[in-house]
Amino acid sequence: MSANPDDAAEHGEGEPHAMVRFFQNMVVKVTQDGVGPITGSVPYAEARLAKADPSATSGLMPLRDQVSEAAIERVIDRLIKESVAASSTNGFLTGLGGFVTLPLTLPANVAGSLVINARLVGSIAYLRGYDISDPHVQTLVTLGTAGGTLASTLHGVGVKVGAKLTAQMIKAIPIAVIRRINAQVGFMLLAKYGTQRSVITLAKGIPVAGGLVGAGVDATLTALVGRAAKANFPAHV
């Protein structure tokens, strides 16, 4: 094996790790800044809050802090429905070969699904009162984008939790545990958005069927991601 990391990457040995880093970095970029025409998580959430509650006024205080918890929960449910619909459209169009690919030869339907889901999770975290610029929270956003739940992941790394996670419990997770989770979530992303999508590739032998399969897989994954995000970011009560 070559001792030079660049040589290893050139011969394909570093490609899985490079893809993992790409996925993790893309999640953070999408939630913070957006990508292309897709806005970041905060402006996306705030725009939907403005539509849901016209009495709230933009200014020094975020709309998130002006509306009721019930209104926030309604917006969260709306964001999930919108994102599922967007993933379905993305899956169908890219199944027909319609979109441009992103770096590392990432298939366009994978890229589109990742962007939609990452923005959704970041928006839910923000609406529930979490700081999505906090590295601690970013790890949990990445976990949610992979469809993973914090409770099961904590159990997997040997941390016992009660029947229900609370915001206070999440804040108290030791940084060493967060690092262990962060080491796993990149490969969880790779599994969800990479290696487990062979059914789409196989179905593309019949283009329209390929599009329909892509739509169904992407929409189902986004619905799962929405549920995971709601579980991973409990309201501050």
C-alpha atoms as a PDB file:
ATOM      1  CA  MET A   1       0.000   0.000   0.000  1.00  0.00           C
ATOM      2  CA  SER A   2       1.270   3.469  -0.858  1.00  0.00           C
ATOM      3  CA  ALA A   3       2.369   5.609   2.063  1.00  0.00           C
ATOM      4  CA  ASN A   4       1.305   8.777   0.261  1.00  0.00           C
ATOM      5  CA  PRO A   5      -2.379   9.652   0.878  1.00  0.00           C
ATOM      6  CA  ASP A   6      -2.601  11.377  -2.492  1.00  0.00           C
ATOM      7  CA  ASP A   7      -1.288   8.257  -4.223  1.00  0.00           C
ATOM      8  CA  ALA A   8      -3.773   6.149  -2.277  1.00  0.00           C
ATOM      9  CA  ALA A   9      -6.639   8.376  -3.349  1.00  0.00           C
ATOM     10  CA  GLU A  10      -5.439   8.241  -6.945  1.00  0.00           C
ATOM     11  CA  HIS A  11      -5.590   4.438  -6.878  1.00  0.00           C
ATOM     12  CA  GLY A  12      -9.037   4.417  -5.262  1.00  0.00           C
ATOM     13  CA  GLU A  13      -7.945   3.400  -1.762  1.00  0.00           C
ATOM     14  CA  GLY A  14      -9.029   6.721  -0.266  1.00  0.00           C
ATOM     15  CA  GLU A  15     -12.297   7.106  -2.176  1.00  0.00           C
ATOM     16  CA  PRO A  16     -14.714   5.832   0.519  1.00  0.00           C
ATOM     17  CA  HIS A  17     -13.215   8.181   3.104  1.00  0.00           C
ATOM     18  CA  ALA A  18     -13.233  11.049   0.624  1.00  0.00           C
ATOM     19  CA  MET A  19     -16.919  10.438  -0.067  1.00  0.00           C
ATOM     20  CA  VAL A  20     -17.666  10.303   3.659  1.00  0.00           C
ATOM     21  CA  ARG A  21     -15.966  13.677   4.177  1.00  0.00           C
ATOM     22  CA  PHE A  22     -17.812  15.074   1.176  1.00  0.00           C
ATOM     23  CA  PHE A  23     -21.181  13.996   2.574  1.00  0.00           C
ATOM     24  CA  GLN A  24     -20.438  15.423   6.023  1.00  0.00           C
ATOM     25  CA  ASN A  25     -19.164  18.729   4.627  1.00  0.00           C
ATOM     26  CA  MET A  26     -22.147  19.006   2.287  1.00  0.00           C
ATOM     27  CA  VAL A  27     -24.611  18.613   5.167  1.00  0.00           C
ATOM     28  CA  VAL A  28     -22.973  21.470   7.071  1.00  0.00           C
ATOM     29  CA  LYS A  29     -22.771  23.670   3.958  1.00  0.00           C
ATOM     30  CA  VAL A  30     -26.420  23.114   3.064  1.00  0.00           C
ATOM     31  CA  THR A  31     -27.735  23.839   6.547  1.00  0.00           C
ATOM     32  CA  GLN A  32     -25.555  26.917   7.024  1.00  0.00           C
ATOM     33  CA  ASP A  33     -25.433  28.529   3.570  1.00  0.00           C
ATOM     34  CA  GLY A  34     -27.570  26.506   1.192  1.00  0.00           C
ATOM     35  CA  VAL A  35     -26.290  25.377  -2.182  1.00  0.00           C
ATOM     36  CA  GLY A  36     -27.196  26.753  -5.599  1.00  0.00           C
ATOM     37  CA  PRO A  37     -30.836  27.902  -5.565  1.00  0.00           C
ATOM     38  CA  ILE A  38     -31.496  26.004  -2.311  1.00  0.00           C
ATOM     39  CA  THR A  39     -31.450  28.336   0.686  1.00  0.00           C
ATOM     40  CA  GLY A  40     -29.993  27.381   4.046  1.00  0.00           C
ATOM     41  CA  SER A  41     -32.055  25.900   6.848  1.00  0.00           C
ATOM     42  CA  VAL A  42     -32.650  29.115   8.805  1.00  0.00           C
ATOM     43  CA  PRO A  43     -34.001  31.292   5.954  1.00  0.00           C
ATOM     44  CA  TYR A  44     -36.086  28.342   4.734  1.00  0.00           C
ATOM     45  CA  ALA A  45     -37.658  27.886   8.167  1.00  0.00           C
ATOM     46  CA  GLU A  46     -38.153  31.613   8.734  1.00  0.00           C
ATOM     47  CA  ALA A  47     -39.829  32.037   5.330  1.00  0.00           C
ATOM     48  CA  ARG A  48     -42.333  29.307   6.158  1.00  0.00           C
ATOM     49  CA  LEU A  49     -42.972  30.826   9.583  1.00  0.00           C
ATOM     50  CA  ALA A  50     -43.750  34.170   7.927  1.00  0.00           C
ATOM     51  CA  LYS A  51     -46.372  32.499   5.734  1.00  0.00           C
ATOM     52  CA  ALA A  52     -47.848  30.540   8.630  1.00  0.00           C
ATOM     53  CA  ASP A  53     -48.178  33.545  10.951  1.00  0.00           C
ATOM     54  CA  PRO A  54     -48.496  36.873   9.093  1.00  0.00           C
ATOM     55  CA  SER A  55     -48.781  38.702  12.434  1.00  0.00           C
ATOM     56  CA  ALA A  56     -45.113  37.962  13.181  1.00  0.00           C
ATOM     57  CA  THR A  57     -42.787  40.715  12.020  1.00  0.00           C
ATOM     58  CA  SER A  58     -39.235  40.368  10.786  1.00  0.00           C
ATOM     59  CA  GLY A  59     -36.667  42.472  12.616  1.00  0.00           C
ATOM     60  CA  LEU A  60     -34.105  42.045  15.326  1.00  0.00           C
ATOM     61  CA  MET A  61     -35.943  39.066  16.820  1.00  0.00           C
ATOM     62  CA  PRO A  62     -36.225  35.884  14.713  1.00  0.00           C
ATOM     63  CA  LEU A  63     -39.763  34.817  13.867  1.00  0.00           C
ATOM     64  CA  ARG A  64     -39.013  31.560  15.643  1.00  0.00           C
ATOM     65  CA  ASP A  65     -39.029  33.488  18.919  1.00  0.00           C
ATOM     66  CA  GLN A  66     -42.282  35.322  18.187  1.00  0.00           C
ATOM     67  CA  VAL A  67     -44.700  32.519  17.399  1.00  0.00           C
ATOM     68  CA  SER A  68     -46.314  29.851  19.537  1.00  0.00           C
ATOM     69  CA  GLU A  69     -44.980  26.336  19.950  1.00  0.00           C
ATOM     70  CA  ALA A  70     -48.119  25.052  18.220  1.00  0.00           C
ATOM     71  CA  ALA A  71     -47.368  27.244  15.199  1.00  0.00           C
ATOM     72  CA  ILE A  72     -43.799  25.977  15.094  1.00  0.00           C
ATOM     73  CA  GLU A  73     -44.991  22.367  15.142  1.00  0.00           C
ATOM     74  CA  ARG A  74     -47.392  23.078  12.277  1.00  0.00           C
ATOM     75  CA  VAL A  75     -44.550  24.576  10.265  1.00  0.00           C
ATOM     76  CA  ILE A  76     -42.331  21.568  10.997  1.00  0.00           C
ATOM     77  CA  ASP A  77     -45.022  19.235   9.668  1.00  0.00           C
ATOM     78  CA  ARG A  78     -45.384  21.437   6.600  1.00  0.00           C
ATOM     79  CA  LEU A  79     -41.637  21.391   5.955  1.00  0.00           C
ATOM     80  CA  ILE A  80     -41.634  17.592   6.104  1.00  0.00           C
ATOM     81  CA  LYS A  81     -44.495  17.370   3.594  1.00  0.00           C
ATOM     82  CA  GLU A  82     -42.819  19.893   1.282  1.00  0.00           C
ATOM     83  CA  SER A  83     -39.521  18.062   1.467  1.00  0.00           C
ATOM     84  CA  VAL A  84     -41.104  14.670   0.786  1.00  0.00           C
ATOM     85  CA  ALA A  85     -42.788  16.164  -2.284  1.00  0.00           C
ATOM     86  CA  ALA A  86     -39.523  17.767  -3.402  1.00  0.00           C
ATOM     87  CA  SER A  87     -37.647  14.489  -2.960  1.00  0.00           C
ATOM     88  CA  SER A  88     -40.265  12.673  -4.990  1.00  0.00           C
ATOM     89  CA  THR A  89     -39.909  15.169  -7.835  1.00  0.00           C
ATOM     90  CA  ASN A  90     -36.135  15.090  -7.563  1.00  0.00           C
ATOM     91  CA  GLY A  91     -36.117  11.301  -7.624  1.00  0.00           C
ATOM     92  CA  PHE A  92     -38.345  11.133 -10.685  1.00  0.00           C
ATOM     93  CA  LEU A  93     -36.478  13.742 -12.722  1.00  0.00           C
ATOM     94  CA  THR A  94     -33.038  12.412 -11.903  1.00  0.00           C
ATOM     95  CA  GLY A  95     -34.200   8.857 -12.518  1.00  0.00           C
ATOM     96  CA  LEU A  96     -34.797  10.020 -16.073  1.00  0.00           C
ATOM     97  CA  GLY A  97     -31.269  11.432 -16.202  1.00  0.00           C
ATOM     98  CA  GLY A  98     -32.244  15.076 -15.848  1.00  0.00           C
ATOM     99  CA  PHE A  99     -29.773  16.656 -13.400  1.00  0.00           C
ATOM    100  CA  VAL A 100     -26.083  17.575 -13.386  1.00  0.00           C
ATOM    101  CA  THR A 101     -23.784  15.561 -11.134  1.00  0.00           C
ATOM    102  CA  LEU A 102     -21.780  16.981  -8.242  1.00  0.00           C
ATOM    103  CA  PRO A 103     -18.092  16.298  -7.367  1.00  0.00           C
ATOM    104  CA  LEU A 104     -16.707  12.809  -6.740  1.00  0.00           C
ATOM    105  CA  THR A 105     -19.055  11.480  -9.471  1.00  0.00           C
ATOM    106  CA  LEU A 106     -21.938  11.687  -6.997  1.00  0.00           C
ATOM    107  CA  PRO A 107     -25.153  10.736  -8.857  1.00  0.00           C
ATOM    108  CA  ALA A 108     -27.496  13.681  -9.277  1.00  0.00           C
ATOM    109  CA  ASN A 109     -30.453  12.031  -7.546  1.00  0.00           C
ATOM    110  CA  VAL A 110     -28.235  11.263  -4.535  1.00  0.00           C
ATOM    111  CA  ALA A 111     -27.022  14.870  -4.433  1.00  0.00           C
ATOM    112  CA  GLY A 112     -30.536  16.272  -4.689  1.00  0.00           C
ATOM    113  CA  SER A 113     -31.889  13.993  -1.967  1.00  0.00           C
ATOM    114  CA  LEU A 114     -28.976  14.794   0.339  1.00  0.00           C
ATOM    115  CA  VAL A 115     -29.475  18.547  -0.071  1.00  0.00           C
ATOM    116  CA  ILE A 116     -33.240  18.385   0.487  1.00  0.00           C
ATOM    117  CA  ASN A 117     -32.911  16.199   3.564  1.00  0.00           C
ATOM    118  CA  ALA A 118     -30.038  18.113   5.145  1.00  0.00           C
ATOM    119  CA  ARG A 119     -31.916  21.399   4.832  1.00  0.00           C
ATOM    120  CA  LEU A 120     -35.006  19.797   6.359  1.00  0.00           C
ATOM    121  CA  VAL A 121     -33.151  18.451   9.401  1.00  0.00           C
ATOM    122  CA  GLY A 122     -31.359  21.756   9.956  1.00  0.00           C
ATOM    123  CA  SER A 123     -34.679  23.604   9.762  1.00  0.00           C
ATOM    124  CA  ILE A 124     -36.328  21.327  12.307  1.00  0.00           C
ATOM    125  CA  ALA A 125     -33.377  21.716  14.668  1.00  0.00           C
ATOM    126  CA  TYR A 126     -33.534  25.498  14.294  1.00  0.00           C
ATOM    127  CA  LEU A 127     -37.291  25.672  14.816  1.00  0.00           C
ATOM    128  CA  ARG A 128     -36.997  23.563  17.951  1.00  0.00           C
ATOM    129  CA  GLY A 129     -34.536  26.111  19.370  1.00  0.00           C
ATOM    130  CA  TYR A 130     -31.117  24.592  18.599  1.00  0.00           C
ATOM    131  CA  ASP A 131     -28.073  26.484  17.336  1.00  0.00           C
ATOM    132  CA  ILE A 132     -27.203  24.795  14.029  1.00  0.00           C
ATOM    133  CA  SER A 133     -23.791  26.486  13.954  1.00  0.00           C
ATOM    134  CA  ASP A 134     -22.802  24.519  17.078  1.00  0.00           C
ATOM    135  CA  PRO A 135     -20.558  21.540  16.092  1.00  0.00           C
ATOM    136  CA  HIS A 136     -22.367  19.444  18.706  1.00  0.00           C
ATOM    137  CA  VAL A 137     -25.684  20.124  16.967  1.00  0.00           C
ATOM    138  CA  GLN A 138     -24.161  19.693  13.494  1.00  0.00           C
ATOM    139  CA  THR A 139     -23.241  16.115  14.369  1.00  0.00           C
ATOM    140  CA  LEU A 140     -26.864  15.427  15.309  1.00  0.00           C
ATOM    141  CA  VAL A 141     -28.083  17.143  12.122  1.00  0.00           C
ATOM    142  CA  THR A 142     -25.813  14.868  10.102  1.00  0.00           C
ATOM    143  CA  LEU A 143     -27.123  11.871  12.040  1.00  0.00           C
ATOM    144  CA  GLY A 144     -30.711  12.880  11.246  1.00  0.00           C
ATOM    145  CA  THR A 145     -29.874  13.397   7.582  1.00  0.00           C
ATOM    146  CA  ALA A 146     -28.727   9.772   7.549  1.00  0.00           C
ATOM    147  CA  GLY A 147     -32.093   8.777   9.038  1.00  0.00           C
ATOM    148  CA  GLY A 148     -30.515   7.745  12.337  1.00  0.00           C
ATOM    149  CA  THR A 149     -32.064   8.394  15.727  1.00  0.00           C
ATOM    150  CA  LEU A 150     -29.973   9.682  18.577  1.00  0.00           C
ATOM    151  CA  ALA A 151     -31.450   7.268  21.121  1.00  0.00           C
ATOM    152  CA  SER A 152     -30.486   4.166  19.146  1.00  0.00           C
ATOM    153  CA  THR A 153     -27.086   5.620  18.247  1.00  0.00           C
ATOM    154  CA  LEU A 154     -26.296   6.404  21.876  1.00  0.00           C
ATOM    155  CA  HIS A 155     -27.256   2.862  22.777  1.00  0.00           C
ATOM    156  CA  GLY A 156     -24.925   1.628  20.046  1.00  0.00           C
ATOM    157  CA  VAL A 157     -21.968   3.473  21.579  1.00  0.00           C
ATOM    158  CA  GLY A 158     -22.762   2.173  25.052  1.00  0.00           C
ATOM    159  CA  VAL A 159     -24.659   5.152  26.505  1.00  0.00           C
ATOM    160  CA  LYS A 160     -27.905   4.332  28.297  1.00  0.00           C
ATOM    161  CA  VAL A 161     -30.759   6.802  27.937  1.00  0.00           C
ATOM    162  CA  GLY A 162     -34.272   6.911  29.284  1.00  0.00           C
ATOM    163  CA  ALA A 163     -37.451   6.279  27.370  1.00  0.00           C
ATOM    164  CA  LYS A 164     -37.534   9.836  26.059  1.00  0.00           C
ATOM    165  CA  LEU A 165     -34.739  12.222  25.127  1.00  0.00           C
ATOM    166  CA  THR A 166     -34.960  15.815  26.306  1.00  0.00           C
ATOM    167  CA  ALA A 167     -33.139  18.932  25.185  1.00  0.00           C
ATOM    168  CA  GLN A 168     -31.349  19.027  28.533  1.00  0.00           C
ATOM    169  CA  MET A 169     -30.109  15.450  28.079  1.00  0.00           C
ATOM    170  CA  ILE A 170     -28.793  16.263  24.615  1.00  0.00           C
ATOM    171  CA  LYS A 171     -26.843  19.248  25.928  1.00  0.00           C
ATOM    172  CA  ALA A 172     -25.296  16.994  28.565  1.00  0.00           C
ATOM    173  CA  ILE A 173     -23.917  14.427  26.090  1.00  0.00           C
ATOM    174  CA  PRO A 174     -20.145  14.327  26.691  1.00  0.00           C
ATOM    175  CA  ILE A 175     -17.982  15.614  23.847  1.00  0.00           C
ATOM    176  CA  ALA A 176     -16.184  12.248  23.745  1.00  0.00           C
ATOM    177  CA  VAL A 177     -19.504  10.573  22.905  1.00  0.00           C
ATOM    178  CA  ILE A 178     -20.281  13.197  20.263  1.00  0.00           C
ATOM    179  CA  ARG A 179     -16.920  12.460  18.647  1.00  0.00           C
ATOM    180  CA  ARG A 180     -17.706   8.744  18.582  1.00  0.00           C
ATOM    181  CA  ILE A 181     -21.056   9.462  16.940  1.00  0.00           C
ATOM    182  CA  ASN A 182     -19.429  11.824  14.450  1.00  0.00           C
ATOM    183  CA  ALA A 183     -16.989   9.076  13.468  1.00  0.00           C
ATOM    184  CA  GLN A 184     -19.951   6.859  12.559  1.00  0.00           C
ATOM    185  CA  VAL A 185     -22.404   9.207  10.881  1.00  0.00           C
ATOM    186  CA  GLY A 186     -20.342   9.783   7.737  1.00  0.00           C
ATOM    187  CA  PHE A 187     -20.475   6.100   6.932  1.00  0.00           C
ATOM    188  CA  MET A 188     -24.189   6.084   7.772  1.00  0.00           C
ATOM    189  CA  LEU A 189     -24.642   8.801   5.154  1.00  0.00           C
ATOM    190  CA  LEU A 190     -22.637   6.755   2.672  1.00  0.00           C
ATOM    191  CA  ALA A 191     -24.873   3.743   3.318  1.00  0.00           C
ATOM    192  CA  LYS A 192     -28.099   5.726   2.918  1.00  0.00           C
ATOM    193  CA  TYR A 193     -27.118   7.829  -0.083  1.00  0.00           C
ATOM    194  CA  GLY A 194     -24.602   5.570  -1.753  1.00  0.00           C
ATOM    195  CA  THR A 195     -24.312   1.816  -1.489  1.00  0.00           C
ATOM    196  CA  GLN A 196     -27.983   1.051  -0.785  1.00  0.00           C
ATOM    197  CA  ARG A 197     -29.267   2.784  -3.914  1.00  0.00           C
ATOM    198  CA  SER A 198     -28.434  -0.016  -6.366  1.00  0.00           C
ATOM    199  CA  VAL A 199     -32.152  -0.666  -6.913  1.00  0.00           C
ATOM    200  CA  ILE A 200     -32.349   2.684  -8.718  1.00  0.00           C
ATOM    201  CA  THR A 201     -29.405   1.838 -10.953  1.00  0.00           C
ATOM    202  CA  LEU A 202     -30.914  -1.536 -11.850  1.00  0.00           C
ATOM    203  CA  ALA A 203     -34.307  -0.029 -12.620  1.00  0.00           C
ATOM    204  CA  LYS A 204     -32.844   2.514 -15.030  1.00  0.00           C
ATOM    205  CA  GLY A 205     -32.814  -0.187 -17.713  1.00  0.00           C
ATOM    206  CA  ILE A 206     -36.406   0.986 -18.193  1.00  0.00           C
ATOM    207  CA  PRO A 207     -36.139   4.802 -17.963  1.00  0.00           C
ATOM    208  CA  VAL A 208     -39.664   5.614 -16.747  1.00  0.00           C
ATOM    209  CA  ALA A 209     -39.547   2.756 -14.243  1.00  0.00           C
ATOM    210  CA  GLY A 210     -36.184   4.075 -13.075  1.00  0.00           C
ATOM    211  CA  GLY A 211     -37.728   7.478 -12.461  1.00  0.00           C
ATOM    212  CA  LEU A 212     -40.636   6.040 -10.488  1.00  0.00           C
ATOM    213  CA  VAL A 213     -38.359   3.879  -8.339  1.00  0.00           C
ATOM    214  CA  GLY A 214     -36.110   6.873  -7.672  1.00  0.00           C
ATOM    215  CA  ALA A 215     -39.116   8.968  -6.633  1.00  0.00           C
ATOM    216  CA  GLY A 216     -40.386   6.312  -4.240  1.00  0.00           C
ATOM    217  CA  VAL A 217     -37.009   5.652  -2.620  1.00  0.00           C
ATOM    218  CA  ASP A 218     -36.185   9.339  -2.186  1.00  0.00           C
ATOM    219  CA  ALA A 219     -39.626  10.245  -0.781  1.00  0.00           C
ATOM    220  CA  THR A 220     -39.564   7.342   1.658  1.00  0.00           C
ATOM    221  CA  LEU A 221     -36.097   8.297   2.867  1.00  0.00           C
ATOM    222  CA  THR A 222     -37.143  11.928   3.374  1.00  0.00           C
ATOM    223  CA  ALA A 223     -40.162  10.882   5.427  1.00  0.00           C
ATOM    224  CA  LEU A 224     -37.843   8.758   7.581  1.00  0.00           C
ATOM    225  CA  VAL A 225     -35.423  11.667   7.928  1.00  0.00           C
ATOM    226  CA  GLY A 226     -38.241  13.978   9.029  1.00  0.00           C
ATOM    227  CA  ARG A 227     -39.310  11.570  11.776  1.00  0.00           C
ATOM    228  CA  ALA A 228     -35.715  11.090  12.912  1.00  0.00           C
ATOM    229  CA  ALA A 229     -35.145  14.855  13.079  1.00  0.00           C
ATOM    230  CA  LYS A 230     -38.244  15.389  15.225  1.00  0.00           C
ATOM    231  CA  ALA A 231     -37.040  12.661  17.595  1.00  0.00           C
ATOM    232  CA  ASN A 232     -33.446  13.912  17.686  1.00  0.00           C
ATOM    233  CA  PHE A 233     -34.371  17.518  18.482  1.00  0.00           C
ATOM    234  CA  PRO A 234     -37.042  17.549  21.190  1.00  0.00           C
ATOM    235  CA  ALA A 235     -38.645  20.873  22.002  1.00  0.00           C
ATOM    236  CA  HIS A 236     -37.157  22.869  24.861  1.00  0.00           C
ATOM    237  CA  VAL A 237     -39.731  22.191  27.551  1.00  0.00           C
END
